[in-house]
């Protein structure tokens, strides 16, 4: 696969949410420049990284003059940047709208409601809460997963990398129930060769940091 000029710089920390972005890079099959941060050493809170992302979070990417933070935005940018991988339906494709929906639904509805559950907070009134409630969020995603192997039916996309990694994490910490449809989806996504390569590479990186 061809690469872009300049190459993307990926700001990453092992054993963090940016592991999903590393998996996406593996699925894309492209080269990039890796900038590793140590969360244990607090490098994500140092001024040089806060200049990249004032929130002190990973992942973040830089491509030329473009600086992108927020995991769904990073995914959407990369999938569009490398169209040869066909991980994002192009504009005009009937699947483009659903693809964007599930990308945005993750950050705007899934994460806030999962955090509410983890913190044992009562959901806000539907009339004042833009992200909804946990039970409705969970039913929305499981209903979609019942329709096909992937979020876009038979079409695997970057949205599945995002959701597969997230649901794997959430079930591991019992933040999302390990329903059969969720377990089958996680296994389907995480068993892909690219996903396994990313996990193995991150394990090596984490071990190196620990040493």
N, C-alpha and C. Protein backbone atom coordinates (compact mmCIF):
# COMPACT_ATOMS: atom_id res chain seq x y z
N UNK A 1 0.84 -1.19 0.00
CA UNK A 1 0.00 0.00 0.00
C UNK A 1 0.88 1.24 0.00
N UNK A 2 0.45 2.26 -0.70
CA UNK A 2 1.20 3.50 -0.74
C UNK A 2 1.08 4.22 0.60
N UNK A 3 2.05 5.07 0.86
CA UNK A 3 2.02 5.86 2.08
C UNK A 3 1.88 7.33 1.72
N UNK A 4 1.41 8.09 2.69
CA UNK A 4 1.24 9.51 2.45
C UNK A 4 2.53 10.24 2.78
N UNK A 5 2.65 11.45 2.27
CA UNK A 5 3.77 12.32 2.59
C UNK A 5 3.20 13.63 3.13
N UNK A 6 3.58 14.09 4.31
CA UNK A 6 4.48 13.41 5.26
C UNK A 6 3.79 12.26 5.98
N UNK A 7 4.59 11.43 6.64
CA UNK A 7 4.02 10.32 7.38
C UNK A 7 3.30 10.82 8.63
N UNK A 8 2.37 10.05 9.08
CA UNK A 8 1.63 10.38 10.29
C UNK A 8 2.49 10.07 11.52
N UNK A 9 2.48 10.98 12.48
CA UNK A 9 3.11 10.73 13.78
C UNK A 9 2.00 10.32 14.74
N UNK A 10 2.20 9.21 15.41
CA UNK A 10 1.21 8.63 16.30
C UNK A 10 1.71 8.71 17.74
N UNK A 11 0.99 9.45 18.57
CA UNK A 11 1.32 9.59 19.99
C UNK A 11 0.57 8.51 20.76
N UNK A 12 1.32 7.62 21.39
CA UNK A 12 0.73 6.38 21.90
C UNK A 12 1.34 6.00 23.24
N UNK A 13 0.53 5.35 24.06
CA UNK A 13 1.01 4.74 25.30
C UNK A 13 0.49 3.31 25.34
N UNK A 14 1.34 2.34 25.65
CA UNK A 14 0.86 0.96 25.70
C UNK A 14 -0.13 0.76 26.84
N UNK A 15 -0.99 -0.22 26.67
CA UNK A 15 -2.00 -0.56 27.68
C UNK A 15 -2.89 0.64 28.01
N UNK A 16 -3.30 1.32 26.95
CA UNK A 16 -4.21 2.46 27.09
C UNK A 16 -5.21 2.40 25.94
N UNK A 17 -6.11 3.36 25.91
CA UNK A 17 -7.11 3.36 24.84
C UNK A 17 -6.48 3.55 23.47
N UNK A 18 -5.27 4.06 23.40
CA UNK A 18 -4.66 4.25 22.09
C UNK A 18 -4.21 2.94 21.46
N UNK A 19 -4.36 1.82 22.21
CA UNK A 19 -4.10 0.52 21.62
C UNK A 19 -5.01 0.25 20.43
N UNK A 20 -6.22 0.81 20.47
CA UNK A 20 -7.13 0.66 19.34
C UNK A 20 -6.60 1.33 18.09
N UNK A 21 -5.97 2.47 18.26
CA UNK A 21 -5.39 3.16 17.11
C UNK A 21 -4.22 2.37 16.55
N UNK A 22 -3.44 1.75 17.41
CA UNK A 22 -2.35 0.90 16.92
C UNK A 22 -2.92 -0.26 16.12
N UNK A 23 -4.03 -0.82 16.57
CA UNK A 23 -4.68 -1.89 15.83
C UNK A 23 -5.17 -1.39 14.48
N UNK A 24 -5.70 -0.17 14.46
CA UNK A 24 -6.17 0.40 13.19
C UNK A 24 -5.01 0.57 12.22
N UNK A 25 -3.86 1.04 12.70
CA UNK A 25 -2.69 1.16 11.83
C UNK A 25 -2.31 -0.20 11.24
N UNK A 26 -2.41 -1.24 12.05
CA UNK A 26 -2.11 -2.59 11.54
C UNK A 26 -3.10 -2.99 10.46
N UNK A 27 -4.37 -2.68 10.67
CA UNK A 27 -5.38 -2.99 9.67
C UNK A 27 -5.14 -2.19 8.38
N UNK A 28 -4.70 -0.95 8.53
CA UNK A 28 -4.43 -0.11 7.36
C UNK A 28 -3.19 -0.58 6.62
N UNK A 29 -2.26 -1.18 7.35
CA UNK A 29 -1.03 -1.68 6.71
C UNK A 29 -0.12 -0.58 6.22
N UNK A 30 -0.02 0.52 6.97
CA UNK A 30 0.80 1.65 6.56
C UNK A 30 1.90 1.92 7.58
N UNK A 31 2.94 2.60 7.14
CA UNK A 31 4.01 3.00 8.04
C UNK A 31 3.67 4.32 8.70
N UNK A 32 4.21 4.52 9.88
CA UNK A 32 3.96 5.76 10.62
C UNK A 32 5.11 5.96 11.59
N UNK A 33 5.21 7.15 12.14
CA UNK A 33 6.23 7.45 13.14
C UNK A 33 5.60 7.34 14.52
N UNK A 34 6.15 6.49 15.35
CA UNK A 34 5.59 6.22 16.67
C UNK A 34 6.28 7.06 17.73
N UNK A 35 5.49 7.83 18.47
CA UNK A 35 6.00 8.62 19.59
C UNK A 35 5.39 8.02 20.85
N UNK A 36 6.21 7.35 21.64
CA UNK A 36 5.71 6.60 22.80
C UNK A 36 5.77 7.46 24.06
N UNK A 37 4.69 7.39 24.83
CA UNK A 37 4.60 8.08 26.12
C UNK A 37 4.52 7.05 27.23
N UNK A 38 5.06 7.38 28.37
CA UNK A 38 4.93 6.54 29.56
C UNK A 38 3.90 7.17 30.48
N UNK A 39 2.76 6.50 30.62
CA UNK A 39 1.73 7.03 31.52
C UNK A 39 2.18 6.94 32.97
N UNK A 40 2.92 5.88 33.28
CA UNK A 40 3.41 5.71 34.65
C UNK A 40 4.33 6.85 35.05
N UNK A 41 5.12 7.33 34.10
CA UNK A 41 6.04 8.45 34.38
C UNK A 41 5.34 9.80 34.26
N UNK A 42 4.07 9.80 33.87
CA UNK A 42 3.32 11.03 33.76
C UNK A 42 3.68 11.89 32.57
N UNK A 43 4.25 11.26 31.52
CA UNK A 43 4.68 12.05 30.36
C UNK A 43 3.51 12.70 29.63
N UNK A 44 2.30 12.15 29.79
CA UNK A 44 1.14 12.72 29.13
C UNK A 44 0.71 14.04 29.77
N UNK A 45 1.27 14.35 30.93
CA UNK A 45 0.92 15.60 31.63
C UNK A 45 2.02 16.65 31.54
N UNK A 46 3.08 16.33 30.83
CA UNK A 46 4.17 17.28 30.70
C UNK A 46 3.84 18.34 29.65
N UNK A 47 4.41 19.53 29.78
CA UNK A 47 4.06 20.63 28.87
C UNK A 47 4.22 20.30 27.39
N UNK A 48 5.26 19.53 27.06
CA UNK A 48 5.49 19.24 25.64
C UNK A 48 4.36 18.41 25.04
N UNK A 49 3.76 17.52 25.85
CA UNK A 49 2.63 16.77 25.29
C UNK A 49 1.32 17.53 25.43
N UNK A 50 1.17 18.32 26.47
CA UNK A 50 -0.03 19.14 26.60
C UNK A 50 -0.15 20.14 25.46
N UNK A 51 0.98 20.46 24.84
CA UNK A 51 0.94 21.30 23.64
C UNK A 51 0.33 20.54 22.47
N UNK A 52 0.40 19.22 22.51
CA UNK A 52 -0.21 18.38 21.49
C UNK A 52 -1.69 18.17 21.81
N UNK A 53 -1.95 17.74 23.04
CA UNK A 53 -3.32 17.53 23.50
C UNK A 53 -3.47 18.09 24.91
N UNK A 54 -4.10 19.24 25.05
CA UNK A 54 -4.25 19.85 26.37
C UNK A 54 -4.98 18.98 27.37
N UNK A 55 -5.74 17.98 26.87
CA UNK A 55 -6.44 17.07 27.77
C UNK A 55 -5.51 16.02 28.36
N UNK A 56 -4.29 15.92 27.82
CA UNK A 56 -3.34 14.95 28.35
C UNK A 56 -3.75 13.52 28.09
N UNK A 57 -4.38 13.27 26.95
CA UNK A 57 -4.86 11.94 26.62
C UNK A 57 -4.20 11.42 25.35
N UNK A 58 -4.18 10.10 25.23
CA UNK A 58 -3.82 9.45 23.97
C UNK A 58 -5.04 8.67 23.52
N UNK A 59 -5.18 8.48 22.20
CA UNK A 59 -4.23 8.76 21.13
C UNK A 59 -4.33 10.20 20.63
N UNK A 60 -3.28 10.58 19.93
CA UNK A 60 -3.28 11.80 19.13
C UNK A 60 -2.41 11.51 17.92
N UNK A 61 -2.70 12.18 16.83
CA UNK A 61 -1.87 12.03 15.63
C UNK A 61 -1.58 13.41 15.05
N UNK A 62 -0.43 13.49 14.37
CA UNK A 62 -0.08 14.70 13.63
C UNK A 62 0.23 14.28 12.20
N UNK A 63 -0.39 14.99 11.27
CA UNK A 63 -0.15 14.72 9.85
C UNK A 63 0.08 16.06 9.18
N UNK A 64 1.35 16.38 8.91
CA UNK A 64 1.66 17.70 8.38
C UNK A 64 1.28 18.74 9.40
N UNK A 65 0.44 19.70 9.01
CA UNK A 65 -0.01 20.75 9.92
C UNK A 65 -1.28 20.36 10.67
N UNK A 66 -1.82 19.20 10.37
CA UNK A 66 -3.07 18.77 11.02
C UNK A 66 -2.75 18.01 12.29
N UNK A 67 -3.41 18.39 13.38
CA UNK A 67 -3.27 17.73 14.66
C UNK A 67 -4.64 17.22 15.07
N UNK A 68 -4.75 15.92 15.30
CA UNK A 68 -6.05 15.33 15.58
C UNK A 68 -6.00 14.61 16.91
N UNK A 69 -6.95 14.93 17.78
CA UNK A 69 -7.14 14.22 19.04
C UNK A 69 -8.56 13.66 19.05
N UNK A 70 -8.90 12.97 20.10
CA UNK A 70 -10.20 12.30 20.29
C UNK A 70 -10.27 11.06 19.41
N UNK A 71 -10.41 9.93 20.08
CA UNK A 71 -10.24 8.65 19.41
C UNK A 71 -11.11 8.46 18.16
N UNK A 72 -12.41 8.73 18.20
CA UNK A 72 -13.20 8.56 16.97
C UNK A 72 -12.72 9.46 15.83
N UNK A 73 -12.30 10.68 16.16
CA UNK A 73 -11.81 11.59 15.12
C UNK A 73 -10.51 11.06 14.52
N UNK A 74 -9.64 10.52 15.36
CA UNK A 74 -8.39 9.92 14.87
C UNK A 74 -8.71 8.77 13.92
N UNK A 75 -9.65 7.92 14.31
CA UNK A 75 -10.03 6.79 13.46
C UNK A 75 -10.58 7.25 12.12
N UNK A 76 -11.49 8.21 12.16
CA UNK A 76 -12.10 8.68 10.92
C UNK A 76 -11.08 9.33 10.00
N UNK A 77 -10.17 10.10 10.58
CA UNK A 77 -9.14 10.76 9.78
C UNK A 77 -8.25 9.72 9.09
N UNK A 78 -7.79 8.74 9.86
CA UNK A 78 -6.87 7.75 9.30
C UNK A 78 -7.55 6.88 8.25
N UNK A 79 -8.77 6.46 8.52
CA UNK A 79 -9.46 5.59 7.56
C UNK A 79 -9.72 6.32 6.25
N UNK A 80 -9.98 7.62 6.31
CA UNK A 80 -10.16 8.40 5.08
C UNK A 80 -8.83 8.71 4.41
N UNK A 81 -7.77 8.84 5.21
CA UNK A 81 -6.45 9.17 4.66
C UNK A 81 -5.90 8.03 3.80
N UNK A 82 -6.28 6.80 4.16
CA UNK A 82 -5.79 5.64 3.43
C UNK A 82 -6.96 4.87 2.84
N UNK A 83 -7.60 5.40 1.81
CA UNK A 83 -8.81 4.78 1.26
C UNK A 83 -8.57 3.41 0.64
N UNK A 84 -7.30 3.12 0.28
CA UNK A 84 -7.01 1.82 -0.34
C UNK A 84 -7.36 0.65 0.59
N UNK A 85 -7.32 0.90 1.90
CA UNK A 85 -7.61 -0.16 2.86
C UNK A 85 -9.11 -0.46 2.95
N UNK A 86 -9.92 0.45 2.44
CA UNK A 86 -11.37 0.27 2.41
C UNK A 86 -11.95 0.02 3.80
N UNK A 87 -11.48 0.81 4.75
CA UNK A 87 -12.01 0.71 6.11
C UNK A 87 -13.01 1.81 6.43
N UNK A 88 -13.27 2.68 5.45
CA UNK A 88 -14.27 3.73 5.61
C UNK A 88 -15.05 3.86 4.31
N UNK A 89 -16.37 3.66 4.34
CA UNK A 89 -17.16 3.87 3.12
C UNK A 89 -16.99 5.30 2.64
N UNK A 90 -16.75 5.51 1.35
CA UNK A 90 -16.56 6.88 0.85
C UNK A 90 -17.88 7.65 0.80
N UNK A 91 -17.76 8.97 0.70
CA UNK A 91 -18.96 9.80 0.54
C UNK A 91 -19.69 9.35 -0.72
N UNK A 92 -20.97 9.18 -0.60
CA UNK A 92 -21.78 8.68 -1.71
C UNK A 92 -22.15 7.22 -1.55
N UNK A 93 -21.38 6.49 -0.76
CA UNK A 93 -21.70 5.10 -0.46
C UNK A 93 -22.85 5.09 0.55
N UNK A 94 -23.87 4.25 0.36
CA UNK A 94 -24.99 4.19 1.31
C UNK A 94 -24.57 3.85 2.74
N UNK A 95 -23.40 3.24 2.90
CA UNK A 95 -22.93 2.88 4.23
C UNK A 95 -22.17 4.01 4.93
N UNK A 96 -21.94 5.12 4.20
CA UNK A 96 -21.18 6.21 4.81
C UNK A 96 -21.89 6.79 6.03
N UNK A 97 -23.18 7.01 5.91
CA UNK A 97 -23.94 7.58 7.02
C UNK A 97 -23.94 6.67 8.24
N UNK A 98 -24.29 5.38 8.08
CA UNK A 98 -24.24 4.47 9.22
C UNK A 98 -22.84 4.37 9.84
N UNK A 99 -21.82 4.39 9.00
CA UNK A 99 -20.44 4.34 9.50
C UNK A 99 -20.16 5.53 10.41
N UNK A 100 -20.51 6.73 9.97
CA UNK A 100 -20.30 7.92 10.80
C UNK A 100 -21.14 7.86 12.06
N UNK A 101 -22.35 7.34 11.93
CA UNK A 101 -23.22 7.23 13.10
C UNK A 101 -22.56 6.43 14.21
N UNK A 102 -22.04 5.23 13.87
CA UNK A 102 -21.47 4.39 14.91
C UNK A 102 -20.15 4.93 15.43
N UNK A 103 -19.41 5.61 14.60
CA UNK A 103 -18.19 6.26 15.07
C UNK A 103 -18.51 7.32 16.13
N UNK A 104 -19.48 8.15 15.84
CA UNK A 104 -19.83 9.23 16.77
C UNK A 104 -20.59 8.70 17.98
N UNK A 105 -21.42 7.70 17.78
CA UNK A 105 -22.20 7.12 18.88
C UNK A 105 -21.29 6.61 19.99
N UNK A 106 -20.14 6.08 19.62
CA UNK A 106 -19.22 5.57 20.63
C UNK A 106 -18.82 6.65 21.62
N UNK A 107 -18.29 7.77 21.10
CA UNK A 107 -17.81 8.82 21.99
C UNK A 107 -18.91 9.65 22.62
N UNK A 108 -20.01 9.86 21.89
CA UNK A 108 -21.04 10.77 22.38
C UNK A 108 -22.06 10.09 23.29
N UNK A 109 -22.24 8.77 23.16
CA UNK A 109 -23.25 8.08 23.97
C UNK A 109 -22.69 6.91 24.78
N UNK A 110 -21.87 6.07 24.15
CA UNK A 110 -21.38 4.88 24.85
C UNK A 110 -20.49 5.23 26.04
N UNK A 111 -19.42 5.97 25.80
CA UNK A 111 -18.49 6.25 26.89
C UNK A 111 -19.15 7.00 28.06
N UNK A 112 -19.97 8.04 27.80
CA UNK A 112 -20.58 8.73 28.95
C UNK A 112 -21.50 7.83 29.77
N UNK A 113 -22.29 6.99 29.10
CA UNK A 113 -23.21 6.14 29.86
C UNK A 113 -22.47 5.03 30.61
N UNK A 114 -21.40 4.50 30.00
CA UNK A 114 -20.59 3.50 30.69
C UNK A 114 -19.93 4.11 31.92
N UNK A 115 -19.48 5.34 31.81
CA UNK A 115 -18.88 6.02 32.95
C UNK A 115 -19.91 6.25 34.06
N UNK A 116 -21.12 6.63 33.67
CA UNK A 116 -22.19 6.79 34.66
C UNK A 116 -22.40 5.49 35.43
N UNK A 117 -22.41 4.38 34.70
CA UNK A 117 -22.60 3.08 35.35
C UNK A 117 -21.43 2.74 36.26
N UNK A 118 -20.22 2.97 35.77
CA UNK A 118 -19.04 2.67 36.57
C UNK A 118 -19.01 3.48 37.86
N UNK A 119 -19.46 4.73 37.77
CA UNK A 119 -19.47 5.63 38.94
C UNK A 119 -20.74 5.51 39.77
N UNK A 120 -21.64 4.63 39.30
CA UNK A 120 -22.93 4.41 39.98
C UNK A 120 -23.73 5.70 40.11
N UNK A 121 -23.73 6.44 39.03
CA UNK A 121 -24.49 7.70 39.01
C UNK A 121 -25.85 7.46 38.38
N UNK A 122 -26.85 8.08 38.92
CA UNK A 122 -28.18 8.00 38.34
C UNK A 122 -28.19 8.76 37.02
N UNK A 123 -28.83 8.19 35.99
CA UNK A 123 -28.88 8.92 34.71
C UNK A 123 -29.69 10.19 34.84
N UNK A 124 -29.29 11.18 34.09
CA UNK A 124 -30.02 12.45 34.10
C UNK A 124 -31.35 12.28 33.39
N UNK A 125 -32.23 13.23 33.58
CA UNK A 125 -33.52 13.20 32.90
C UNK A 125 -33.31 13.20 31.39
N UNK A 126 -34.08 12.39 30.65
CA UNK A 126 -33.93 12.36 29.19
C UNK A 126 -34.06 13.73 28.54
N UNK A 127 -34.82 14.61 29.15
CA UNK A 127 -35.02 15.93 28.55
C UNK A 127 -33.81 16.83 28.69
N UNK A 128 -32.89 16.46 29.59
CA UNK A 128 -31.71 17.32 29.81
C UNK A 128 -30.39 16.61 29.49
N UNK A 129 -30.45 15.31 29.17
CA UNK A 129 -29.23 14.54 28.94
C UNK A 129 -29.07 14.21 27.46
N UNK A 130 -28.06 14.77 26.85
CA UNK A 130 -27.87 14.58 25.42
C UNK A 130 -27.36 13.20 25.04
N UNK A 131 -26.78 12.46 25.99
CA UNK A 131 -26.19 11.18 25.62
C UNK A 131 -27.05 9.99 26.03
N UNK A 132 -28.18 10.21 26.67
CA UNK A 132 -29.10 9.13 26.98
C UNK A 132 -28.72 8.35 28.22
N UNK A 133 -29.20 7.12 28.32
CA UNK A 133 -28.94 6.29 29.49
C UNK A 133 -28.29 4.97 29.07
N UNK A 134 -27.69 4.31 30.04
CA UNK A 134 -26.90 3.10 29.78
C UNK A 134 -27.71 2.00 29.12
N UNK A 135 -28.88 1.70 29.66
CA UNK A 135 -29.67 0.58 29.12
C UNK A 135 -30.07 0.82 27.68
N UNK A 136 -30.47 2.04 27.36
CA UNK A 136 -30.86 2.35 25.98
C UNK A 136 -29.65 2.28 25.06
N UNK A 137 -28.51 2.79 25.54
CA UNK A 137 -27.28 2.72 24.74
C UNK A 137 -26.93 1.27 24.44
N UNK A 138 -26.97 0.42 25.47
CA UNK A 138 -26.58 -0.97 25.30
C UNK A 138 -27.51 -1.70 24.33
N UNK A 139 -28.80 -1.45 24.47
CA UNK A 139 -29.76 -2.09 23.57
C UNK A 139 -29.57 -1.62 22.13
N UNK A 140 -29.21 -0.35 21.96
CA UNK A 140 -28.99 0.20 20.62
C UNK A 140 -27.84 -0.54 19.93
N UNK A 141 -26.76 -0.76 20.64
CA UNK A 141 -25.61 -1.40 20.00
C UNK A 141 -25.83 -2.90 19.84
N UNK A 142 -26.45 -3.56 20.82
CA UNK A 142 -26.67 -4.99 20.68
C UNK A 142 -27.69 -5.29 19.59
N UNK A 143 -28.71 -4.44 19.46
CA UNK A 143 -29.67 -4.64 18.37
C UNK A 143 -28.97 -4.58 17.02
N UNK A 144 -28.00 -3.66 16.90
CA UNK A 144 -27.26 -3.54 15.64
C UNK A 144 -26.38 -4.77 15.40
N UNK A 145 -25.74 -5.26 16.44
CA UNK A 145 -24.85 -6.41 16.30
C UNK A 145 -25.62 -7.68 15.96
N UNK A 146 -26.90 -7.73 16.31
CA UNK A 146 -27.72 -8.89 15.97
C UNK A 146 -27.99 -8.99 14.47
N UNK A 147 -27.78 -7.88 13.76
CA UNK A 147 -28.14 -7.84 12.34
C UNK A 147 -27.07 -8.42 11.41
N UNK A 148 -25.86 -8.56 11.89
CA UNK A 148 -24.80 -9.05 11.01
C UNK A 148 -23.50 -9.18 11.75
N UNK A 149 -22.48 -9.70 11.12
CA UNK A 149 -21.20 -9.91 11.81
C UNK A 149 -20.51 -8.62 12.22
N UNK A 150 -20.77 -7.54 11.49
CA UNK A 150 -20.13 -6.27 11.80
C UNK A 150 -21.18 -5.15 11.90
N UNK A 151 -20.74 -4.00 12.34
CA UNK A 151 -21.68 -2.88 12.52
C UNK A 151 -22.32 -2.46 11.21
N UNK A 152 -21.62 -2.65 10.11
CA UNK A 152 -22.17 -2.32 8.79
C UNK A 152 -22.61 -3.58 8.06
N UNK A 153 -23.05 -4.57 8.81
CA UNK A 153 -23.51 -5.81 8.20
C UNK A 153 -22.34 -6.71 7.84
N UNK A 154 -22.19 -6.99 6.56
CA UNK A 154 -21.10 -7.86 6.11
C UNK A 154 -19.80 -7.09 5.90
N UNK A 155 -19.85 -5.77 5.99
CA UNK A 155 -18.68 -4.92 5.70
C UNK A 155 -17.91 -4.58 6.97
N UNK A 156 -16.67 -5.03 7.04
CA UNK A 156 -15.79 -4.67 8.16
C UNK A 156 -15.25 -3.26 7.92
N UNK A 157 -15.22 -2.46 8.98
CA UNK A 157 -14.76 -1.08 8.85
C UNK A 157 -13.97 -0.66 10.08
N UNK A 158 -13.44 0.55 10.02
CA UNK A 158 -12.72 1.11 11.17
C UNK A 158 -13.61 1.19 12.39
N UNK A 159 -14.92 1.30 12.19
CA UNK A 159 -15.84 1.34 13.33
C UNK A 159 -15.76 0.06 14.14
N UNK A 160 -15.50 -1.05 13.48
CA UNK A 160 -15.39 -2.32 14.19
C UNK A 160 -14.10 -2.41 14.99
N UNK A 161 -13.04 -1.80 14.50
CA UNK A 161 -11.80 -1.75 15.27
C UNK A 161 -12.06 -0.97 16.56
N UNK A 162 -12.73 0.16 16.42
CA UNK A 162 -13.05 1.01 17.57
C UNK A 162 -13.92 0.27 18.59
N UNK A 163 -15.02 -0.27 18.12
CA UNK A 163 -15.97 -0.92 19.01
C UNK A 163 -15.47 -2.26 19.51
N UNK A 164 -14.77 -3.02 18.69
CA UNK A 164 -14.25 -4.30 19.14
C UNK A 164 -13.28 -4.13 20.29
N UNK A 165 -12.38 -3.18 20.16
CA UNK A 165 -11.41 -2.91 21.23
C UNK A 165 -12.11 -2.38 22.48
N UNK A 166 -13.05 -1.47 22.29
CA UNK A 166 -13.74 -0.87 23.43
C UNK A 166 -14.57 -1.90 24.19
N UNK A 167 -15.35 -2.69 23.47
CA UNK A 167 -16.17 -3.69 24.14
C UNK A 167 -15.33 -4.77 24.80
N UNK A 168 -14.19 -5.08 24.22
CA UNK A 168 -13.28 -6.03 24.86
C UNK A 168 -12.82 -5.50 26.21
N UNK A 169 -12.49 -4.23 26.25
CA UNK A 169 -12.07 -3.58 27.51
C UNK A 169 -13.23 -3.51 28.49
N UNK A 170 -14.39 -3.09 28.02
CA UNK A 170 -15.54 -2.93 28.91
C UNK A 170 -15.98 -4.25 29.53
N UNK A 171 -15.98 -5.32 28.74
CA UNK A 171 -16.39 -6.61 29.31
C UNK A 171 -15.34 -7.14 30.28
N UNK A 172 -14.08 -6.85 29.99
CA UNK A 172 -13.00 -7.31 30.85
C UNK A 172 -13.16 -6.75 32.26
N UNK A 173 -13.64 -5.51 32.34
CA UNK A 173 -13.82 -4.86 33.64
C UNK A 173 -15.28 -4.85 34.08
N UNK A 174 -16.08 -5.67 33.44
CA UNK A 174 -17.49 -5.87 33.79
C UNK A 174 -18.30 -4.58 33.76
N UNK A 175 -17.92 -3.71 32.83
CA UNK A 175 -18.68 -2.48 32.62
C UNK A 175 -19.79 -2.68 31.61
N UNK A 176 -19.65 -3.73 30.81
CA UNK A 176 -20.66 -4.14 29.84
C UNK A 176 -20.85 -5.64 30.01
N UNK A 177 -22.08 -6.14 30.05
CA UNK A 177 -22.28 -7.58 30.23
C UNK A 177 -21.78 -8.38 29.04
N UNK A 178 -21.25 -9.55 29.33
CA UNK A 178 -20.70 -10.39 28.27
C UNK A 178 -21.82 -11.22 27.63
N UNK A 179 -22.73 -10.53 26.98
CA UNK A 179 -23.83 -11.19 26.29
C UNK A 179 -23.27 -11.99 25.11
N UNK A 180 -23.96 -13.06 24.70
CA UNK A 180 -23.45 -13.86 23.59
C UNK A 180 -23.16 -13.05 22.33
N UNK A 181 -24.03 -12.10 22.00
CA UNK A 181 -23.81 -11.32 20.78
C UNK A 181 -22.59 -10.42 20.92
N UNK A 182 -22.34 -9.93 22.12
CA UNK A 182 -21.17 -9.08 22.35
C UNK A 182 -19.90 -9.92 22.35
N UNK A 183 -19.94 -11.08 23.02
CA UNK A 183 -18.76 -11.94 23.07
C UNK A 183 -18.37 -12.41 21.67
N UNK A 184 -19.37 -12.79 20.88
CA UNK A 184 -19.09 -13.26 19.52
C UNK A 184 -18.48 -12.15 18.68
N UNK A 185 -18.98 -10.93 18.85
CA UNK A 185 -18.46 -9.79 18.09
C UNK A 185 -17.02 -9.49 18.49
N UNK A 186 -16.74 -9.45 19.79
CA UNK A 186 -15.39 -9.20 20.26
C UNK A 186 -14.42 -10.24 19.70
N UNK A 187 -14.80 -11.50 19.79
CA UNK A 187 -13.93 -12.57 19.29
C UNK A 187 -13.69 -12.44 17.79
N UNK A 188 -14.73 -12.06 17.07
CA UNK A 188 -14.63 -11.93 15.61
C UNK A 188 -13.63 -10.83 15.25
N UNK A 189 -13.68 -9.73 15.98
CA UNK A 189 -12.79 -8.60 15.68
C UNK A 189 -11.38 -8.85 16.18
N UNK A 190 -11.25 -9.28 17.42
CA UNK A 190 -9.92 -9.39 18.02
C UNK A 190 -9.12 -10.59 17.50
N UNK A 191 -9.77 -11.52 16.82
CA UNK A 191 -9.04 -12.66 16.26
C UNK A 191 -8.40 -12.35 14.91
N UNK A 192 -8.68 -11.17 14.36
CA UNK A 192 -8.09 -10.81 13.09
C UNK A 192 -6.56 -10.69 13.23
N UNK A 193 -5.80 -11.12 12.22
CA UNK A 193 -4.34 -11.08 12.32
C UNK A 193 -3.78 -9.70 12.68
N UNK A 194 -4.34 -8.64 12.10
CA UNK A 194 -3.84 -7.30 12.39
C UNK A 194 -4.06 -6.94 13.85
N UNK A 195 -5.19 -7.33 14.40
CA UNK A 195 -5.47 -7.04 15.79
C UNK A 195 -4.49 -7.78 16.70
N UNK A 196 -4.21 -9.03 16.36
CA UNK A 196 -3.28 -9.81 17.17
C UNK A 196 -1.87 -9.25 17.10
N UNK A 197 -1.48 -8.76 15.93
CA UNK A 197 -0.15 -8.15 15.81
C UNK A 197 -0.06 -6.91 16.70
N UNK A 198 -1.10 -6.12 16.74
CA UNK A 198 -1.09 -4.90 17.54
C UNK A 198 -0.99 -5.23 19.03
N UNK A 199 -1.73 -6.24 19.47
CA UNK A 199 -1.68 -6.64 20.88
C UNK A 199 -0.28 -7.14 21.25
N UNK A 200 0.31 -7.93 20.37
CA UNK A 200 1.65 -8.45 20.64
C UNK A 200 2.69 -7.33 20.69
N UNK A 201 2.59 -6.38 19.78
CA UNK A 201 3.54 -5.27 19.74
C UNK A 201 3.38 -4.40 20.98
N UNK A 202 2.14 -4.21 21.43
CA UNK A 202 1.92 -3.40 22.62
C UNK A 202 2.43 -4.10 23.88
N UNK A 203 2.29 -5.41 23.91
CA UNK A 203 2.80 -6.17 25.07
C UNK A 203 4.30 -6.02 25.17
N UNK A 204 4.99 -6.07 24.02
CA UNK A 204 6.45 -5.89 24.02
C UNK A 204 6.83 -4.48 24.49
N UNK A 205 6.06 -3.50 24.04
CA UNK A 205 6.33 -2.11 24.41
C UNK A 205 6.10 -1.90 25.90
N UNK A 206 5.02 -2.47 26.43
CA UNK A 206 4.73 -2.34 27.86
C UNK A 206 5.82 -3.01 28.70
N UNK A 207 6.29 -4.16 28.24
CA UNK A 207 7.35 -4.86 28.96
C UNK A 207 8.65 -4.05 28.97
N UNK A 208 8.93 -3.42 27.82
CA UNK A 208 10.14 -2.59 27.73
C UNK A 208 10.05 -1.40 28.67
N UNK A 209 8.86 -0.79 28.77
CA UNK A 209 8.70 0.35 29.68
C UNK A 209 8.83 -0.10 31.13
N UNK A 210 8.27 -1.27 31.45
CA UNK A 210 8.35 -1.77 32.81
C UNK A 210 9.78 -2.07 33.24
N UNK A 211 10.59 -2.49 32.25
CA UNK A 211 11.98 -2.82 32.56
C UNK A 211 12.81 -1.57 32.77
